[in-house]
Structure formats: C-alpha cells, structure tokens
Amino acid sequence: MYQKGPGIDHAPYLVQVYNTSDTITATGVVLAGRLATTVKKQFILAIPHGKDKVDCLALDWWRA
C-alpha cells in the first residue's frame, strides 16, 4: 500500500509469502526482519490457505 503511489514513494511493508508446507526458520525470520528494518519497512509473514484466505503475521524489530 502506497501513500502517494508507486514510483513516488516506497511501500511501507516487506511481505514474505510462505506455503503451508514451507519450513519457517528462526534464522529466516531474523534475516528478513533485519532487512525490513534496514529499509524502514514493517515485516509481514503471509501464508495463503486456498484462494480466499491469507494468514498474516506482522513483526516489529526492536532492540532489547
């Protein structure tokens, strides 16, 4: 979703899509989260279930 439109501003999200049969590793989540943070985007995991349903998990990266 763009505020003003593609080419004018950047998308605020980095979305990684997984199939239900894919393995989601902690390392993969950390790498994607670090990339999203570097480019100032929110990281979202998306897992489609059939044609009409997608489970999404939005993750924020923060320092302890």
PDB file of N, CA and C in Angstrom:
ATOM      1  N   MET A   1       0.841  -1.163   0.000  1.00  0.00           N
ATOM      2  CA  MET A   1       0.000   0.000   0.000  1.00  0.00           C
ATOM      3  C   MET A   1       0.898   1.242   0.000  1.00  0.00           C
ATOM      4  N   TYR A   2       0.693   2.082  -0.969  1.00  0.00           N
ATOM      5  CA  TYR A   2       1.480   3.299  -1.093  1.00  0.00           C
ATOM      6  C   TYR A   2       0.670   4.499  -0.606  1.00  0.00           C
ATOM      7  N   GLN A   3       1.343   5.460   0.009  1.00  0.00           N
ATOM      8  CA  GLN A   3       0.684   6.697   0.429  1.00  0.00           C
ATOM      9  C   GLN A   3       0.300   7.542  -0.788  1.00  0.00           C
ATOM     10  N   LYS A   4       1.267   7.695  -1.724  1.00  0.00           N
ATOM     11  CA  LYS A   4       1.046   8.562  -2.886  1.00  0.00           C
ATOM     12  C   LYS A   4       1.035   7.801  -4.204  1.00  0.00           C
ATOM     13  N   GLY A   5       1.674   6.646  -4.273  1.00  0.00           N
ATOM     14  CA  GLY A   5       1.667   5.845  -5.496  1.00  0.00           C
ATOM     15  C   GLY A   5       3.036   5.274  -5.794  1.00  0.00           C
ATOM     16  N   PRO A   6       3.077   4.142  -6.528  1.00  0.00           N
ATOM     17  CA  PRO A   6       4.368   3.541  -6.877  1.00  0.00           C
ATOM     18  C   PRO A   6       5.212   4.514  -7.704  1.00  0.00           C
ATOM     19  N   GLY A   7       6.488   4.533  -7.402  1.00  0.00           N
ATOM     20  CA  GLY A   7       7.389   5.437  -8.107  1.00  0.00           C
ATOM     21  C   GLY A   7       7.493   6.801  -7.443  1.00  0.00           C
ATOM     22  N   ILE A   8       6.493   7.149  -6.617  1.00  0.00           N
ATOM     23  CA  ILE A   8       6.520   8.422  -5.906  1.00  0.00           C
ATOM     24  C   ILE A   8       7.060   8.204  -4.495  1.00  0.00           C
ATOM     25  N   ASP A   9       6.572   7.169  -3.839  1.00  0.00           N
ATOM     26  CA  ASP A   9       7.086   6.816  -2.521  1.00  0.00           C
ATOM     27  C   ASP A   9       7.306   5.297  -2.460  1.00  0.00           C
ATOM     28  N   HIS A  10       7.801   4.831  -1.346  1.00  0.00           N
ATOM     29  CA  HIS A  10       8.100   3.418  -1.183  1.00  0.00           C
ATOM     30  C   HIS A  10       7.014   2.733  -0.370  1.00  0.00           C
ATOM     31  N   ALA A  11       6.815   1.449  -0.632  1.00  0.00           N
ATOM     32  CA  ALA A  11       5.847   0.672   0.140  1.00  0.00           C
ATOM     33  C   ALA A  11       6.317   0.580   1.594  1.00  0.00           C
ATOM     34  N   PRO A  12       5.401   0.636   2.548  1.00  0.00           N
ATOM     35  CA  PRO A  12       5.791   0.593   3.958  1.00  0.00           C
ATOM     36  C   PRO A  12       5.995  -0.828   4.492  1.00  0.00           C
ATOM     37  N   TYR A  13       5.781  -1.849   3.668  1.00  0.00           N
ATOM     38  CA  TYR A  13       5.866  -3.227   4.127  1.00  0.00           C
ATOM     39  C   TYR A  13       6.828  -4.066   3.296  1.00  0.00           C
ATOM     40  N   LEU A  14       7.442  -5.030   3.950  1.00  0.00           N
ATOM     41  CA  LEU A  14       8.181  -6.092   3.271  1.00  0.00           C
ATOM     42  C   LEU A  14       7.400  -7.365   3.582  1.00  0.00           C
ATOM     43  N   VAL A  15       6.826  -8.006   2.568  1.00  0.00           N
ATOM     44  CA  VAL A  15       5.984  -9.183   2.756  1.00  0.00           C
ATOM     45  C   VAL A  15       6.701 -10.405   2.214  1.00  0.00           C
ATOM     46  N   GLN A  16       6.788 -11.435   3.049  1.00  0.00           N
ATOM     47  CA  GLN A  16       7.375 -12.706   2.636  1.00  0.00           C
ATOM     48  C   GLN A  16       6.261 -13.746   2.673  1.00  0.00           C
ATOM     49  N   VAL A  17       6.022 -14.404   1.532  1.00  0.00           N
ATOM     50  CA  VAL A  17       4.934 -15.368   1.412  1.00  0.00           C
ATOM     51  C   VAL A  17       5.484 -16.779   1.541  1.00  0.00           C
ATOM     52  N   TYR A  18       4.849 -17.566   2.397  1.00  0.00           N
ATOM     53  CA  TYR A  18       5.215 -18.958   2.600  1.00  0.00           C
ATOM     54  C   TYR A  18       4.025 -19.839   2.251  1.00  0.00           C
ATOM     55  N   ASN A  19       4.299 -21.023   1.707  1.00  0.00           N
ATOM     56  CA  ASN A  19       3.261 -22.037   1.535  1.00  0.00           C
ATOM     57  C   ASN A  19       3.061 -22.733   2.870  1.00  0.00           C
ATOM     58  N   THR A  20       1.915 -23.374   3.056  1.00  0.00           N
ATOM     59  CA  THR A  20       1.659 -24.070   4.313  1.00  0.00           C
ATOM     60  C   THR A  20       2.640 -25.208   4.542  1.00  0.00           C
ATOM     61  N   SER A  21       3.248 -25.721   3.484  1.00  0.00           N
ATOM     62  CA  SER A  21       4.211 -26.820   3.619  1.00  0.00           C
ATOM     63  C   SER A  21       5.644 -26.330   3.824  1.00  0.00           C
ATOM     64  N   ASP A  22       5.891 -25.020   3.713  1.00  0.00           N
ATOM     65  CA  ASP A  22       7.232 -24.478   3.886  1.00  0.00           C
ATOM     66  C   ASP A  22       7.653 -24.487   5.355  1.00  0.00           C
ATOM     67  N   THR A  23       8.940 -24.647   5.576  1.00  0.00           N
ATOM     68  CA  THR A  23       9.502 -24.533   6.917  1.00  0.00           C
ATOM     69  C   THR A  23       9.924 -23.082   7.133  1.00  0.00           C
ATOM     70  N   ILE A  24       9.451 -22.501   8.222  1.00  0.00           N
ATOM     71  CA  ILE A  24       9.827 -21.135   8.573  1.00  0.00           C
ATOM     72  C   ILE A  24      10.855 -21.246   9.692  1.00  0.00           C
ATOM     73  N   THR A  25      12.085 -20.830   9.394  1.00  0.00           N
ATOM     74  CA  THR A  25      13.155 -20.947  10.390  1.00  0.00           C
ATOM     75  C   THR A  25      13.343 -19.633  11.142  1.00  0.00           C
ATOM     76  N   ALA A  26      13.856 -19.742  12.340  1.00  0.00           N
ATOM     77  CA  ALA A  26      14.161 -18.545  13.127  1.00  0.00           C
ATOM     78  C   ALA A  26      15.183 -17.683  12.399  1.00  0.00           C
ATOM     79  N   THR A  27      16.162 -18.318  11.783  1.00  0.00           N
ATOM     80  CA  THR A  27      17.183 -17.570  11.041  1.00  0.00           C
ATOM     81  C   THR A  27      16.554 -16.799   9.888  1.00  0.00           C
ATOM     82  N   GLY A  28      15.633 -17.421   9.166  1.00  0.00           N
ATOM     83  CA  GLY A  28      14.960 -16.746   8.060  1.00  0.00           C
ATOM     84  C   GLY A  28      14.152 -15.549   8.525  1.00  0.00           C
ATOM     85  N   VAL A  29      13.477 -15.698   9.665  1.00  0.00           N
ATOM     86  CA  VAL A  29      12.684 -14.601  10.210  1.00  0.00           C
ATOM     87  C   VAL A  29      13.596 -13.453  10.649  1.00  0.00           C
ATOM     88  N   VAL A  30      14.703 -13.774  11.306  1.00  0.00           N
ATOM     89  CA  VAL A  30      15.641 -12.743  11.754  1.00  0.00           C
ATOM     90  C   VAL A  30      16.249 -12.014  10.557  1.00  0.00           C
ATOM     91  N   LEU A  31      16.655 -12.748   9.540  1.00  0.00           N
ATOM     92  CA  LEU A  31      17.250 -12.111   8.352  1.00  0.00           C
ATOM     93  C   LEU A  31      16.251 -11.184   7.667  1.00  0.00           C
ATOM     94  N   ALA A  32      15.026 -11.645   7.494  1.00  0.00           N
ATOM     95  CA  ALA A  32      14.009 -10.814   6.849  1.00  0.00           C
ATOM     96  C   ALA A  32      13.669  -9.607   7.730  1.00  0.00           C
ATOM     97  N   GLY A  33      13.613  -9.814   9.043  1.00  0.00           N
ATOM     98  CA  GLY A  33      13.334  -8.708   9.956  1.00  0.00           C
ATOM     99  C   GLY A  33      14.422  -7.652   9.933  1.00  0.00           C
ATOM    100  N   ARG A  34      15.665  -8.100   9.865  1.00  0.00           N
ATOM    101  CA  ARG A  34      16.779  -7.141   9.793  1.00  0.00           C
ATOM    102  C   ARG A  34      16.750  -6.365   8.479  1.00  0.00           C
ATOM    103  N   LEU A  35      16.431  -7.063   7.380  1.00  0.00           N
ATOM    104  CA  LEU A  35      16.332  -6.384   6.090  1.00  0.00           C
ATOM    105  C   LEU A  35      15.210  -5.350   6.134  1.00  0.00           C
ATOM    106  N   ALA A  36      14.050  -5.735   6.652  1.00  0.00           N
ATOM    107  CA  ALA A  36      12.918  -4.807   6.730  1.00  0.00           C
ATOM    108  C   ALA A  36      13.284  -3.572   7.549  1.00  0.00           C
ATOM    109  N   THR A  37      13.978  -3.777   8.654  1.00  0.00           N
ATOM    110  CA  THR A  37      14.381  -2.660   9.499  1.00  0.00           C
ATOM    111  C   THR A  37      15.360  -1.746   8.776  1.00  0.00           C
ATOM    112  N   THR A  38      16.295  -2.337   8.066  1.00  0.00           N
ATOM    113  CA  THR A  38      17.296  -1.557   7.331  1.00  0.00           C
ATOM    114  C   THR A  38      16.647  -0.643   6.296  1.00  0.00           C
ATOM    115  N   VAL A  39      15.599  -1.132   5.631  1.00  0.00           N
ATOM    116  CA  VAL A  39      14.927  -0.332   4.604  1.00  0.00           C
ATOM    117  C   VAL A  39      13.671   0.368   5.138  1.00  0.00           C
ATOM    118  N   LYS A  40      13.529   0.372   6.483  1.00  0.00           N
ATOM    119  CA  LYS A  40      12.467   1.098   7.181  1.00  0.00           C
ATOM    120  C   LYS A  40      11.063   0.643   6.769  1.00  0.00           C
ATOM    121  N   LYS A  41      10.868  -0.683   6.798  1.00  0.00           N
ATOM    122  CA  LYS A  41       9.574  -1.261   6.461  1.00  0.00           C
ATOM    123  C   LYS A  41       9.130  -2.194   7.583  1.00  0.00           C
ATOM    124  N   GLN A  42       7.847  -2.449   7.654  1.00  0.00           N
ATOM    125  CA  GLN A  42       7.346  -3.441   8.599  1.00  0.00           C
ATOM    126  C   GLN A  42       7.382  -4.801   7.911  1.00  0.00           C
ATOM    127  N   PHE A  43       7.839  -5.819   8.625  1.00  0.00           N
ATOM    128  CA  PHE A  43       7.961  -7.168   8.086  1.00  0.00           C
ATOM    129  C   PHE A  43       6.675  -7.943   8.332  1.00  0.00           C
ATOM    130  N   ILE A  44       6.132  -8.535   7.271  1.00  0.00           N
ATOM    131  CA  ILE A  44       4.896  -9.310   7.363  1.00  0.00           C
ATOM    132  C   ILE A  44       5.119 -10.692   6.754  1.00  0.00           C
ATOM    133  N   LEU A  45       4.773 -11.727   7.514  1.00  0.00           N
ATOM    134  CA  LEU A  45       4.740 -13.103   7.011  1.00  0.00           C
ATOM    135  C   LEU A  45       3.333 -13.357   6.501  1.00  0.00           C
ATOM    136  N   ALA A  46       3.200 -13.907   5.308  1.00  0.00           N
ATOM    137  CA  ALA A  46       1.882 -14.214   4.753  1.00  0.00           C
ATOM    138  C   ALA A  46       1.844 -15.685   4.344  1.00  0.00           C
ATOM    139  N   ILE A  47       0.778 -16.376   4.770  1.00  0.00           N
ATOM    140  CA  ILE A  47       0.616 -17.790   4.438  1.00  0.00           C
ATOM    141  C   ILE A  47      -0.775 -17.974   3.840  1.00  0.00           C
ATOM    142  N   PRO A  48      -0.858 -18.163   2.504  1.00  0.00           N
ATOM    143  CA  PRO A  48      -2.164 -18.344   1.880  1.00  0.00           C
ATOM    144  C   PRO A  48      -2.736 -19.734   2.171  1.00  0.00           C
ATOM    145  N   HIS A  49      -4.056 -19.766   2.332  1.00  0.00           N
ATOM    146  CA  HIS A  49      -4.798 -21.021   2.521  1.00  0.00           C
ATOM    147  C   HIS A  49      -5.904 -21.039   1.474  1.00  0.00           C
ATOM    148  N   GLY A  50      -5.640 -21.678   0.355  1.00  0.00           N
ATOM    149  CA  GLY A  50      -6.629 -21.692  -0.714  1.00  0.00           C
ATOM    150  C   GLY A  50      -6.664 -20.359  -1.439  1.00  0.00           C
ATOM    151  N   LYS A  51      -7.793 -20.091  -2.100  1.00  0.00           N
ATOM    152  CA  LYS A  51      -7.912 -18.884  -2.921  1.00  0.00           C
ATOM    153  C   LYS A  51      -8.339 -17.646  -2.137  1.00  0.00           C
ATOM    154  N   ASP A  52      -9.071 -17.850  -1.044  1.00  0.00           N
ATOM    155  CA  ASP A  52      -9.719 -16.715  -0.397  1.00  0.00           C
ATOM    156  C   ASP A  52      -9.217 -16.369   1.000  1.00  0.00           C
ATOM    157  N   LYS A  53      -8.220 -17.064   1.502  1.00  0.00           N
ATOM    158  CA  LYS A  53      -7.774 -16.792   2.866  1.00  0.00           C
ATOM    159  C   LYS A  53      -6.260 -16.694   2.928  1.00  0.00           C
ATOM    160  N   VAL A  54      -5.767 -15.673   3.619  1.00  0.00           N
ATOM    161  CA  VAL A  54      -4.337 -15.487   3.848  1.00  0.00           C
ATOM    162  C   VAL A  54      -4.146 -15.137   5.319  1.00  0.00           C
ATOM    163  N   ASP A  55      -3.340 -15.931   6.015  1.00  0.00           N
ATOM    164  CA  ASP A  55      -2.976 -15.592   7.388  1.00  0.00           C
ATOM    165  C   ASP A  55      -1.745 -14.694   7.327  1.00  0.00           C
ATOM    166  N   CYS A  56      -1.785 -13.590   8.066  1.00  0.00           N
ATOM    167  CA  CYS A  56      -0.667 -12.650   8.088  1.00  0.00           C
ATOM    168  C   CYS A  56      -0.195 -12.434   9.518  1.00  0.00           C
ATOM    169  N   LEU A  57       1.095 -12.295   9.658  1.00  0.00           N
ATOM    170  CA  LEU A  57       1.702 -12.003  10.948  1.00  0.00           C
ATOM    171  C   LEU A  57       2.664 -10.845  10.742  1.00  0.00           C
ATOM    172  N   ALA A  58       2.368  -9.711  11.355  1.00  0.00           N
ATOM    173  CA  ALA A  58       3.226  -8.527  11.238  1.00  0.00           C
ATOM    174  C   ALA A  58       4.201  -8.523  12.405  1.00  0.00           C
ATOM    175  N   LEU A  59       5.474  -8.370  12.099  1.00  0.00           N
ATOM    176  CA  LEU A  59       6.516  -8.385  13.123  1.00  0.00           C
ATOM    177  C   LEU A  59       7.249  -7.048  13.146  1.00  0.00           C
ATOM    178  N   ASP A  60       7.504  -6.575  14.338  1.00  0.00           N
ATOM    179  CA  ASP A  60       8.298  -5.363  14.511  1.00  0.00           C
ATOM    180  C   ASP A  60       9.654  -5.755  15.084  1.00  0.00           C
ATOM    181  N   TRP A  61      10.695  -5.117  14.624  1.00  0.00           N
ATOM    182  CA  TRP A  61      12.053  -5.366  15.082  1.00  0.00           C
ATOM    183  C   TRP A  61      12.424  -4.315  16.103  1.00  0.00           C
ATOM    184  N   TRP A  62      12.873  -4.720  17.253  1.00  0.00           N
ATOM    185  CA  TRP A  62      13.277  -3.758  18.283  1.00  0.00           C
ATOM    186  C   TRP A  62      14.491  -4.294  19.012  1.00  0.00           C
ATOM    187  N   ARG A  63      15.205  -3.388  19.621  1.00  0.00           N
ATOM    188  CA  ARG A  63      16.410  -3.763  20.359  1.00  0.00           C
ATOM    189  C   ARG A  63      16.078  -3.886  21.838  1.00  0.00           C
ATOM    190  N   ALA A  64      16.636  -4.921  22.450  1.00  0.00           N
ATOM    191  CA  ALA A  64      16.398  -5.141  23.889  1.00  0.00           C
ATOM    192  C   ALA A  64      17.325  -4.276  24.705  1.00  0.00           C
TER     193      ALA A  64
END
